[in-house]
PDB file of N, CA and C in Angstrom:
ATOM      1  N   MET A   1      53.158 -15.927  17.587  1.00  0.00           N
ATOM      2  CA  MET A   1      54.120 -14.621  16.958  1.00  0.00           C
ATOM      3  C   MET A   1      55.368 -14.686  17.365  1.00  0.00           C
ATOM      4  N   THR A   2      56.377 -14.640  16.754  1.00  0.00           N
ATOM      5  CA  THR A   2      57.557 -14.822  17.316  1.00  0.00           C
ATOM      6  C   THR A   2      57.976 -13.544  18.249  1.00  0.00           C
ATOM      7  N   VAL A   3      58.992 -13.628  19.057  1.00  0.00           N
ATOM      8  CA  VAL A   3      59.491 -12.399  19.470  1.00  0.00           C
ATOM      9  C   VAL A   3      60.082 -11.165  18.685  1.00  0.00           C
ATOM     10  N   SER A   4      60.782 -11.605  17.555  1.00  0.00           N
ATOM     11  CA  SER A   4      61.126 -10.302  16.676  1.00  0.00           C
ATOM     12  C   SER A   4      59.604  -9.793  16.014  1.00  0.00           C
ATOM     13  N   GLU A   5      58.776 -10.651  15.809  1.00  0.00           N
ATOM     14  CA  GLU A   5      57.687 -10.062  15.206  1.00  0.00           C
ATOM     15  C   GLU A   5      56.831  -9.076  16.128  1.00  0.00           C
ATOM     16  N   ARG A   6      57.041  -9.417  17.474  1.00  0.00           N
ATOM     17  CA  ARG A   6      56.092  -9.166  18.318  1.00  0.00           C
ATOM     18  C   ARG A   6      56.754  -7.672  18.421  1.00  0.00           C
ATOM     19  N   ARG A   7      58.237  -7.573  18.614  1.00  0.00           N
ATOM     20  CA  ARG A   7      59.313  -6.281  18.745  1.00  0.00           C
ATOM     21  C   ARG A   7      58.880  -5.681  17.212  1.00  0.00           C
ATOM     22  N   ALA A   8      58.626  -6.337  16.279  1.00  0.00           N
ATOM     23  CA  ALA A   8      58.505  -5.044  15.181  1.00  0.00           C
ATOM     24  C   ALA A   8      57.250  -4.451  15.280  1.00  0.00           C
ATOM     25  N   LEU A   9      56.047  -5.342  15.591  1.00  0.00           N
ATOM     26  CA  LEU A   9      54.791  -4.962  15.711  1.00  0.00           C
ATOM     27  C   LEU A   9      54.743  -3.739  16.847  1.00  0.00           C
ATOM     28  N   TRP A  10      55.162  -3.910  18.091  1.00  0.00           N
ATOM     29  CA  TRP A  10      55.383  -2.583  18.773  1.00  0.00           C
ATOM     30  C   TRP A  10      56.078  -1.442  18.565  1.00  0.00           C
ATOM     31  N   GLN A  11      57.203  -1.815  17.746  1.00  0.00           N
ATOM     32  CA  GLN A  11      57.775  -0.351  17.204  1.00  0.00           C
ATOM     33  C   GLN A  11      57.196  -0.086  16.278  1.00  0.00           C
ATOM     34  N   ALA A  12      56.293  -0.371  15.266  1.00  0.00           N
ATOM     35  CA  ALA A  12      55.502   0.217  14.188  1.00  0.00           C
ATOM     36  C   ALA A  12      54.640   0.928  15.246  1.00  0.00           C
ATOM     37  N   ARG A  13      54.044   0.148  16.062  1.00  0.00           N
ATOM     38  CA  ARG A  13      52.807   0.928  16.936  1.00  0.00           C
ATOM     39  C   ARG A  13      53.044   2.135  17.784  1.00  0.00           C
ATOM     40  N   ILE A  14      54.611   2.024  17.974  1.00  0.00           N
ATOM     41  CA  ILE A  14      55.018   3.202  18.963  1.00  0.00           C
ATOM     42  C   ILE A  14      55.281   4.629  17.704  1.00  0.00           C
ATOM     43  N   ALA A  15      56.001   4.112  16.396  1.00  0.00           N
ATOM     44  CA  ALA A  15      56.458   5.300  15.757  1.00  0.00           C
ATOM     45  C   ALA A  15      54.993   5.664  15.153  1.00  0.00           C
ATOM     46  N   ASP A  16      53.766   4.843  14.709  1.00  0.00           N
ATOM     47  CA  ASP A  16      52.831   5.227  14.524  1.00  0.00           C
ATOM     48  C   ASP A  16      51.909   6.365  15.562  1.00  0.00           C
ATOM     49  N   GLN A  17      52.220   6.211  16.559  1.00  0.00           N
ATOM     50  CA  GLN A  17      51.769   7.115  17.328  1.00  0.00           C
ATOM     51  C   GLN A  17      52.315   8.450  17.624  1.00  0.00           C
ATOM     52  N   ALA A  18      53.667   8.463  17.317  1.00  0.00           N
ATOM     53  CA  ALA A  18      54.574   9.586  17.134  1.00  0.00           C
ATOM     54  C   ALA A  18      54.084  10.160  16.167  1.00  0.00           C
ATOM     55  N   ALA A  19      54.132   9.772  15.072  1.00  0.00           N
ATOM     56  CA  ALA A  19      53.693  10.461  14.005  1.00  0.00           C
ATOM     57  C   ALA A  19      52.386  10.896  13.920  1.00  0.00           C
ATOM     58  N   SER A  20      51.544  10.448  14.843  1.00  0.00           N
ATOM     59  CA  SER A  20      49.865  10.759  14.334  1.00  0.00           C
ATOM     60  C   SER A  20      49.675  11.984  15.106  1.00  0.00           C
ATOM     61  N   GLY A  21      50.419  12.854  15.869  1.00  0.00           N
ATOM     62  CA  GLY A  21      50.227  14.008  16.604  1.00  0.00           C
ATOM     63  C   GLY A  21      49.327  13.852  17.773  1.00  0.00           C
ATOM     64  N   LEU A  22      48.703  12.379  17.964  1.00  0.00           N
ATOM     65  CA  LEU A  22      47.669  12.441  19.135  1.00  0.00           C
ATOM     66  C   LEU A  22      48.587  11.839  20.208  1.00  0.00           C
ATOM     67  N   SER A  23      48.079  11.841  21.582  1.00  0.00           N
ATOM     68  CA  SER A  23      48.498  11.736  22.508  1.00  0.00           C
ATOM     69  C   SER A  23      48.685  10.082  22.848  1.00  0.00           C
ATOM     70  N   ILE A  24      49.379   9.396  23.670  1.00  0.00           N
ATOM     71  CA  ILE A  24      49.277   8.076  23.845  1.00  0.00           C
ATOM     72  C   ILE A  24      47.920   7.656  24.229  1.00  0.00           C
ATOM     73  N   THR A  25      46.991   8.120  25.073  1.00  0.00           N
ATOM     74  CA  THR A  25      45.885   8.147  25.575  1.00  0.00           C
ATOM     75  C   THR A  25      44.779   7.812  24.354  1.00  0.00           C
ATOM     76  N   GLN A  26      45.051   9.076  23.364  1.00  0.00           N
ATOM     77  CA  GLN A  26      44.122   9.154  22.021  1.00  0.00           C
ATOM     78  C   GLN A  26      44.466   8.027  21.414  1.00  0.00           C
ATOM     79  N   TRP A  27      45.834   7.958  21.110  1.00  0.00           N
ATOM     80  CA  TRP A  27      46.097   7.011  19.933  1.00  0.00           C
ATOM     81  C   TRP A  27      45.633   5.067  20.616  1.00  0.00           C
ATOM     82  N   CYS A  28      45.771   5.247  21.888  1.00  0.00           N
ATOM     83  CA  CYS A  28      45.543   3.865  22.427  1.00  0.00           C
ATOM     84  C   CYS A  28      43.782   3.367  22.146  1.00  0.00           C
ATOM     85  N   ASP A  29      43.224   4.698  22.783  1.00  0.00           N
ATOM     86  CA  ASP A  29      41.893   4.585  22.817  1.00  0.00           C
ATOM     87  C   ASP A  29      41.427   4.137  21.053  1.00  0.00           C
ATOM     88  N   ALA A  30      41.952   5.247  20.116  1.00  0.00           N
ATOM     89  CA  ALA A  30      41.523   5.280  18.650  1.00  0.00           C
ATOM     90  C   ALA A  30      42.252   3.362  18.034  1.00  0.00           C
ATOM     91  N   HIS A  31      42.999   2.897  18.660  1.00  0.00           N
ATOM     92  CA  HIS A  31      43.397   1.515  17.976  1.00  0.00           C
ATOM     93  C   HIS A  31      43.172   0.367  18.982  1.00  0.00           C
ATOM     94  N   GLU A  32      42.524   0.657  20.063  1.00  0.00           N
ATOM     95  CA  GLU A  32      42.088  -0.435  21.093  1.00  0.00           C
ATOM     96  C   GLU A  32      43.174  -0.934  21.378  1.00  0.00           C
ATOM     97  N   VAL A  33      44.068  -0.194  22.011  1.00  0.00           N
ATOM     98  CA  VAL A  33      45.476  -1.116  22.567  1.00  0.00           C
ATOM     99  C   VAL A  33      45.188  -0.469  23.982  1.00  0.00           C
ATOM    100  N   ASN A  34      45.954  -1.457  24.767  1.00  0.00           N
ATOM    101  CA  ASN A  34      45.749  -1.442  26.424  1.00  0.00           C
ATOM    102  C   ASN A  34      46.834  -0.211  26.480  1.00  0.00           C
ATOM    103  N   ARG A  35      46.731   1.165  27.206  1.00  0.00           N
ATOM    104  CA  ARG A  35      47.839   2.195  27.481  1.00  0.00           C
ATOM    105  C   ARG A  35      49.131   1.587  28.233  1.00  0.00           C
ATOM    106  N   ARG A  36      48.472   0.763  29.336  1.00  0.00           N
ATOM    107  CA  ARG A  36      49.502  -0.102  30.539  1.00  0.00           C
ATOM    108  C   ARG A  36      50.746  -0.940  29.235  1.00  0.00           C
ATOM    109  N   GLN A  37      49.896  -1.637  28.488  1.00  0.00           N
ATOM    110  CA  GLN A  37      50.959  -2.616  27.330  1.00  0.00           C
ATOM    111  C   GLN A  37      51.945  -1.463  26.753  1.00  0.00           C
ATOM    112  N   PHE A  38      51.144  -0.442  26.419  1.00  0.00           N
ATOM    113  CA  PHE A  38      51.992   0.661  24.898  1.00  0.00           C
ATOM    114  C   PHE A  38      52.871   1.230  26.021  1.00  0.00           C
ATOM    115  N   HIS A  39      53.093   1.298  27.223  1.00  0.00           N
ATOM    116  CA  HIS A  39      54.114   2.229  28.005  1.00  0.00           C
ATOM    117  C   HIS A  39      55.037   1.119  28.649  1.00  0.00           C
ATOM    118  N   TYR A  40      54.453  -0.281  28.693  1.00  0.00           N
ATOM    119  CA  TYR A  40      55.526  -1.412  28.948  1.00  0.00           C
ATOM    120  C   TYR A  40      56.480  -1.214  28.019  1.00  0.00           C
ATOM    121  N   TRP A  41      55.930  -1.542  26.753  1.00  0.00           N
ATOM    122  CA  TRP A  41      56.745  -1.347  25.290  1.00  0.00           C
ATOM    123  C   TRP A  41      57.497  -0.496  25.007  1.00  0.00           C
ATOM    124  N   ILE A  42      57.426   0.936  25.535  1.00  0.00           N
ATOM    125  CA  ILE A  42      58.041   1.644  25.278  1.00  0.00           C
ATOM    126  C   ILE A  42      59.413   1.573  26.221  1.00  0.00           C
ATOM    127  N   LYS A  43      59.074   1.331  27.577  1.00  0.00           N
ATOM    128  CA  LYS A  43      60.129   1.141  28.134  1.00  0.00           C
ATOM    129  C   LYS A  43      60.851  -0.105  27.736  1.00  0.00           C
ATOM    130  N   HIS A  44      60.477  -0.964  27.422  1.00  0.00           N
ATOM    131  CA  HIS A  44      60.912  -2.063  27.300  1.00  0.00           C
ATOM    132  C   HIS A  44      61.887  -1.929  25.927  1.00  0.00           C
ATOM    133  N   LEU A  45      61.405  -1.758  25.017  1.00  0.00           N
ATOM    134  CA  LEU A  45      62.259  -1.208  23.646  1.00  0.00           C
ATOM    135  C   LEU A  45      63.433  -0.219  23.938  1.00  0.00           C
ATOM    136  N   GLN A  46      63.073   0.545  25.046  1.00  0.00           N
ATOM    137  CA  GLN A  46      64.499   1.908  25.331  1.00  0.00           C
ATOM    138  C   GLN A  46      65.465   0.957  25.828  1.00  0.00           C
ATOM    139  N   GLN A  47      65.009   0.124  27.144  1.00  0.00           N
ATOM    140  CA  GLN A  47      66.030  -0.432  27.657  1.00  0.00           C
ATOM    141  C   GLN A  47      67.038  -1.696  27.250  1.00  0.00           C
ATOM    142  N   THR A  48      66.078  -1.984  25.846  1.00  0.00           N
ATOM    143  CA  THR A  48      66.929  -3.168  25.111  1.00  0.00           C
ATOM    144  C   THR A  48      67.824  -2.520  24.391  1.00  0.00           C
ATOM    145  N   ALA A  49      67.376  -1.348  23.887  1.00  0.00           N
ATOM    146  CA  ALA A  49      68.141  -0.860  22.654  1.00  0.00           C
ATOM    147  C   ALA A  49      69.390   0.075  23.488  1.00  0.00           C
ATOM    148  N   ALA A  50      69.071   0.639  24.900  1.00  0.00           N
ATOM    149  CA  ALA A  50      70.207   1.440  25.279  1.00  0.00           C
ATOM    150  C   ALA A  50      71.575   0.548  25.233  1.00  0.00           C
ATOM    151  N   PRO A  51      71.726  -0.317  25.900  1.00  0.00           N
ATOM    152  CA  PRO A  51      73.063  -1.248  26.042  1.00  0.00           C
ATOM    153  C   PRO A  51      73.901  -1.144  24.752  1.00  0.00           C
ATOM    154  N   ALA A  52      73.193  -1.398  23.661  1.00  0.00           N
ATOM    155  CA  ALA A  52      73.793  -1.626  22.372  1.00  0.00           C
ATOM    156  C   ALA A  52      74.289   0.158  21.778  1.00  0.00           C
ATOM    157  N   ALA A  53      73.418   0.712  21.982  1.00  0.00           N
ATOM    158  CA  ALA A  53      73.786   2.134  21.714  1.00  0.00           C
ATOM    159  C   ALA A  53      74.664   2.703  22.669  1.00  0.00           C
ATOM    160  N   ALA A  54      74.794   2.336  23.827  1.00  0.00           N
ATOM    161  CA  ALA A  54      75.948   3.113  24.649  1.00  0.00           C
ATOM    162  C   ALA A  54      77.170   2.607  24.503  1.00  0.00           C
ATOM    163  N   SER A  55      77.246   1.426  24.040  1.00  0.00           N
ATOM    164  CA  SER A  55      78.625   1.091  23.603  1.00  0.00           C
ATOM    165  C   SER A  55      79.889   1.785  23.020  1.00  0.00           C
ATOM    166  N   PRO A  56      80.680   2.241  23.505  1.00  0.00           N
ATOM    167  CA  PRO A  56      81.746   2.916  23.039  1.00  0.00           C
ATOM    168  C   PRO A  56      82.596   2.460  22.039  1.00  0.00           C
ATOM    169  N   TRP A  57      82.492   1.022  21.512  1.00  0.00           N
ATOM    170  CA  TRP A  57      83.282   0.470  20.448  1.00  0.00           C
ATOM    171  C   TRP A  57      82.294  -0.089  19.677  1.00  0.00           C
ATOM    172  N   VAL A  58      83.215   0.268  18.228  1.00  0.00           N
ATOM    173  CA  VAL A  58      82.266  -0.204  17.056  1.00  0.00           C
ATOM    174  C   VAL A  58      83.393  -1.121  16.212  1.00  0.00           C
ATOM    175  N   ARG A  59      82.760  -2.469  15.717  1.00  0.00           N
ATOM    176  CA  ARG A  59      83.870  -3.011  14.943  1.00  0.00           C
ATOM    177  C   ARG A  59      83.989  -2.482  13.495  1.00  0.00           C
ATOM    178  N   VAL A  60      85.468  -2.280  13.161  1.00  0.00           N
ATOM    179  CA  VAL A  60      85.784  -1.758  12.003  1.00  0.00           C
ATOM    180  C   VAL A  60      86.736  -2.542  11.277  1.00  0.00           C
ATOM    181  N   ASP A  61      86.250  -3.335  10.138  1.00  0.00           N
ATOM    182  CA  ASP A  61      86.794  -3.675   9.785  1.00  0.00           C
ATOM    183  C   ASP A  61      87.613  -3.178   8.584  1.00  0.00           C
ATOM    184  N   LEU A  62      89.214  -3.560   8.485  1.00  0.00           N
ATOM    185  CA  LEU A  62      90.275  -2.770   7.631  1.00  0.00           C
ATOM    186  C   LEU A  62      90.409  -3.442   6.335  1.00  0.00           C
ATOM    187  N   ASN A  63      90.194  -2.971   4.764  1.00  0.00           N
ATOM    188  CA  ASN A  63      90.926  -3.719   3.577  1.00  0.00           C
ATOM    189  C   ASN A  63      91.694  -2.342   3.258  1.00  0.00           C
ATOM    190  N   GLU A  64      93.308  -2.539   3.661  1.00  0.00           N
ATOM    191  CA  GLU A  64      94.256  -1.625   3.192  1.00  0.00           C
ATOM    192  C   GLU A  64      94.474  -1.471   2.077  1.00  0.00           C
ATOM    193  N   GLN A  65      94.252  -0.262   0.944  1.00  0.00           N
ATOM    194  CA  GLN A  65      94.872  -0.245  -0.066  1.00  0.00           C
ATOM    195  C   GLN A  65      95.693   0.942  -0.125  1.00  0.00           C
ATOM    196  N   VAL A  66      96.778   0.916  -0.012  1.00  0.00           N
ATOM    197  CA  VAL A  66      97.510   2.324   0.138  1.00  0.00           C
ATOM    198  C   VAL A  66      98.337   2.604  -0.813  1.00  0.00           C
ATOM    199  N   HIS A  67      98.121   3.934  -1.066  1.00  0.00           N
ATOM    200  CA  HIS A  67      98.355   4.541  -2.270  1.00  0.00           C
ATOM    201  C   HIS A  67      99.669   5.812  -1.876  1.00  0.00           C
ATOM    202  N   GLU A  68     101.099   5.384  -2.394  1.00  0.00           N
ATOM    203  CA  GLU A  68     101.801   6.345  -1.643  1.00  0.00           C
ATOM    204  C   GLU A  68     101.694   7.837  -1.811  1.00  0.00           C
ATOM    205  N   ASP A  69     101.020   8.211  -2.842  1.00  0.00           N
ATOM    206  CA  ASP A  69     100.727   9.613  -3.589  1.00  0.00           C
ATOM    207  C   ASP A  69      99.106  10.278  -3.064  1.00  0.00           C
ATOM    208  N   SER A  70      98.644   9.456  -1.776  1.00  0.00           N
ATOM    209  CA  SER A  70      97.417   9.749  -1.200  1.00  0.00           C
ATOM    210  C   SER A  70      97.396  10.093  -0.002  1.00  0.00           C
ATOM    211  N   ASN A  71      96.988  11.228   0.471  1.00  0.00           N
ATOM    212  CA  ASN A  71      96.929  11.521   1.876  1.00  0.00           C
ATOM    213  C   ASN A  71      95.463  11.620   2.504  1.00  0.00           C
ATOM    214  N   ARG A  72      94.674  10.575   1.774  1.00  0.00           N
ATOM    215  CA  ARG A  72      93.036  10.383   2.602  1.00  0.00           C
ATOM    216  C   ARG A  72      93.203   8.678   2.980  1.00  0.00           C
ATOM    217  N   LEU A  73      91.861   8.544   3.504  1.00  0.00           N
ATOM    218  CA  LEU A  73      91.607   7.215   4.137  1.00  0.00           C
ATOM    219  C   LEU A  73      90.095   6.977   3.762  1.00  0.00           C
ATOM    220  N   VAL A  74      89.699   6.249   3.335  1.00  0.00           N
ATOM    221  CA  VAL A  74      88.242   5.614   2.862  1.00  0.00           C
ATOM    222  C   VAL A  74      87.986   4.712   4.278  1.00  0.00           C
ATOM    223  N   VAL A  75      86.773   4.794   5.411  1.00  0.00           N
ATOM    224  CA  VAL A  75      86.062   4.054   6.013  1.00  0.00           C
ATOM    225  C   VAL A  75      85.013   3.335   5.524  1.00  0.00           C
ATOM    226  N   ARG A  76      84.823   2.417   5.199  1.00  0.00           N
ATOM    227  CA  ARG A  76      83.512   1.773   4.780  1.00  0.00           C
ATOM    228  C   ARG A  76      82.851   1.553   6.170  1.00  0.00           C
ATOM    229  N   VAL A  77      81.293   1.915   6.281  1.00  0.00           N
ATOM    230  CA  VAL A  77      80.490   1.195   7.378  1.00  0.00           C
ATOM    231  C   VAL A  77      79.487   0.573   6.730  1.00  0.00           C
ATOM    232  N   GLY A  78      79.266  -0.606   6.208  1.00  0.00           N
ATOM    233  CA  GLY A  78      78.261  -1.059   5.475  1.00  0.00           C
ATOM    234  C   GLY A  78      78.479  -0.632   4.525  1.00  0.00           C
ATOM    235  N   ALA A  79      77.192   0.192   3.857  1.00  0.00           N
ATOM    236  CA  ALA A  79      77.463   0.641   2.716  1.00  0.00           C
ATOM    237  C   ALA A  79      77.901   2.306   2.221  1.00  0.00           C
ATOM    238  N   ALA A  80      77.956   2.548   3.817  1.00  0.00           N
ATOM    239  CA  ALA A  80      78.411   3.994   3.774  1.00  0.00           C
ATOM    240  C   ALA A  80      80.101   4.075   3.673  1.00  0.00           C
ATOM    241  N   ALA A  81      80.410   5.274   2.746  1.00  0.00           N
ATOM    242  CA  ALA A  81      82.094   5.271   2.627  1.00  0.00           C
ATOM    243  C   ALA A  81      82.274   6.670   3.323  1.00  0.00           C
ATOM    244  N   ILE A  82      83.256   6.819   4.325  1.00  0.00           N
ATOM    245  CA  ILE A  82      83.357   7.866   4.709  1.00  0.00           C
ATOM    246  C   ILE A  82      84.817   8.191   4.134  1.00  0.00           C
ATOM    247  N   GLU A  83      85.498   9.355   3.622  1.00  0.00           N
ATOM    248  CA  GLU A  83      86.864   9.643   3.272  1.00  0.00           C
ATOM    249  C   GLU A  83      87.259  11.033   4.292  1.00  0.00           C
ATOM    250  N   VAL A  84      88.448  10.425   4.569  1.00  0.00           N
ATOM    251  CA  VAL A  84      89.415  11.513   5.537  1.00  0.00           C
ATOM    252  C   VAL A  84      90.349  11.888   4.878  1.00  0.00           C
ATOM    253  N   GLN A  85      90.670  13.077   5.026  1.00  0.00           N
ATOM    254  CA  GLN A  85      92.269  13.514   4.947  1.00  0.00           C
ATOM    255  C   GLN A  85      93.009  13.815   6.052  1.00  0.00           C
ATOM    256  N   SER A  86      93.890  14.256   5.630  1.00  0.00           N
ATOM    257  CA  SER A  86      94.859  14.390   7.165  1.00  0.00           C
ATOM    258  C   SER A  86      94.560  15.803   7.821  1.00  0.00           C
ATOM    259  N   GLY A  87      94.702  15.568   9.110  1.00  0.00           N
ATOM    260  CA  GLY A  87      93.844  16.578   9.835  1.00  0.00           C
ATOM    261  C   GLY A  87      92.385  16.571  10.426  1.00  0.00           C
ATOM    262  N   PHE A  88      92.411  15.628   9.772  1.00  0.00           N
ATOM    263  CA  PHE A  88      90.982  14.982  10.615  1.00  0.00           C
ATOM    264  C   PHE A  88      90.459  14.824  12.084  1.00  0.00           C
ATOM    265  N   SER A  89      89.249  15.289  12.537  1.00  0.00           N
ATOM    266  CA  SER A  89      89.362  14.903  13.776  1.00  0.00           C
ATOM    267  C   SER A  89      88.961  13.544  14.210  1.00  0.00           C
ATOM    268  N   PRO A  90      89.654  13.135  15.132  1.00  0.00           N
ATOM    269  CA  PRO A  90      89.486  11.186  15.260  1.00  0.00           C
ATOM    270  C   PRO A  90      88.210  11.383  15.917  1.00  0.00           C
ATOM    271  N   LYS A  91      88.006  12.063  17.007  1.00  0.00           N
ATOM    272  CA  LYS A  91      86.562  12.296  17.898  1.00  0.00           C
ATOM    273  C   LYS A  91      85.056  12.159  16.657  1.00  0.00           C
ATOM    274  N   LEU A  92      85.281  13.021  15.754  1.00  0.00           N
ATOM    275  CA  LEU A  92      84.218  13.232  14.952  1.00  0.00           C
ATOM    276  C   LEU A  92      84.015  12.050  13.943  1.00  0.00           C
ATOM    277  N   LEU A  93      85.305  11.491  13.756  1.00  0.00           N
ATOM    278  CA  LEU A  93      85.216  10.211  12.778  1.00  0.00           C
ATOM    279  C   LEU A  93      84.412   8.945  13.518  1.00  0.00           C
ATOM    280  N   ALA A  94      85.071   9.187  14.899  1.00  0.00           N
ATOM    281  CA  ALA A  94      84.323   7.834  15.889  1.00  0.00           C
ATOM    282  C   ALA A  94      83.028   8.173  16.134  1.00  0.00           C
ATOM    283  N   ASP A  95      82.749   9.336  16.335  1.00  0.00           N
ATOM    284  CA  ASP A  95      81.260   9.379  16.467  1.00  0.00           C
ATOM    285  C   ASP A  95      80.156   9.279  15.157  1.00  0.00           C
ATOM    286  N   LEU A  96      80.883   9.586  13.856  1.00  0.00           N
ATOM    287  CA  LEU A  96      79.959   9.297  12.805  1.00  0.00           C
ATOM    288  C   LEU A  96      80.305   7.590  12.638  1.00  0.00           C
ATOM    289  N   VAL A  97      81.023   6.752  12.740  1.00  0.00           N
ATOM    290  CA  VAL A  97      81.190   5.631  12.618  1.00  0.00           C
ATOM    291  C   VAL A  97      80.183   4.869  13.481  1.00  0.00           C
ATOM    292  N   ARG A  98      80.153   5.348  14.686  1.00  0.00           N
ATOM    293  CA  ARG A  98      79.088   4.708  15.559  1.00  0.00           C
ATOM    294  C   ARG A  98      77.661   5.151  15.266  1.00  0.00           C
ATOM    295  N   THR A  99      77.454   5.982  14.716  1.00  0.00           N
ATOM    296  CA  THR A  99      76.272   6.711  14.624  1.00  0.00           C
ATOM    297  C   THR A  99      75.925   5.652  13.229  1.00  0.00           C
ATOM    298  N   LEU A 100      76.865   5.720  12.168  1.00  0.00           N
ATOM    299  CA  LEU A 100      76.381   4.999  11.254  1.00  0.00           C
ATOM    300  C   LEU A 100      75.980   3.275  11.269  1.00  0.00           C
ATOM    301  N   ALA A 101      77.037   2.990  12.012  1.00  0.00           N
ATOM    302  CA  ALA A 101      77.008   1.127  12.392  1.00  0.00           C
ATOM    303  C   ALA A 101      75.685   0.792  12.493  1.00  0.00           C
ATOM    304  N   PRO A 102      74.415   1.332  13.337  1.00  0.00           N
ATOM    305  CA  PRO A 102      73.570   0.554  13.570  1.00  0.00           C
ATOM    306  C   PRO A 102      72.597   0.708  12.299  1.00  0.00           C
ATOM    307  N   LEU A 103      72.737   1.987  11.409  1.00  0.00           N
ATOM    308  CA  LEU A 103      71.915   1.972  10.171  1.00  0.00           C
ATOM    309  C   LEU A 103      72.451   0.977   8.829  1.00  0.00           C
ATOM    310  N   CYS A 104      73.744   0.750   8.822  1.00  0.00           N
ATOM    311  CA  CYS A 104      73.975  -0.011   7.774  1.00  0.00           C
ATOM    312  C   CYS A 104      74.164  -1.788   8.068  1.00  0.00           C
TER     313      CYS A 104
END
């Protein structure tokens, strides 16, 4: 099993336990999973995800198409398009782009 396959397996297990409504102990007993290993993977996945999520910077590629009669800007993050007009909140836009970037 590759590292990415193992990571995906444990992400699925953790999500399944969270959705089940069972405690970790109950879920692990029912699925014959070692509780210590389960807790290890929760911590491991949180630690490896935290540095990427904590970064204040997101790469945004610009493809400018300026129309003189327009006071709007369209920002594309993956498949998502965000249209902003004059008077927008730069902080809100930055927060939105940071939220969308890992999903797109």
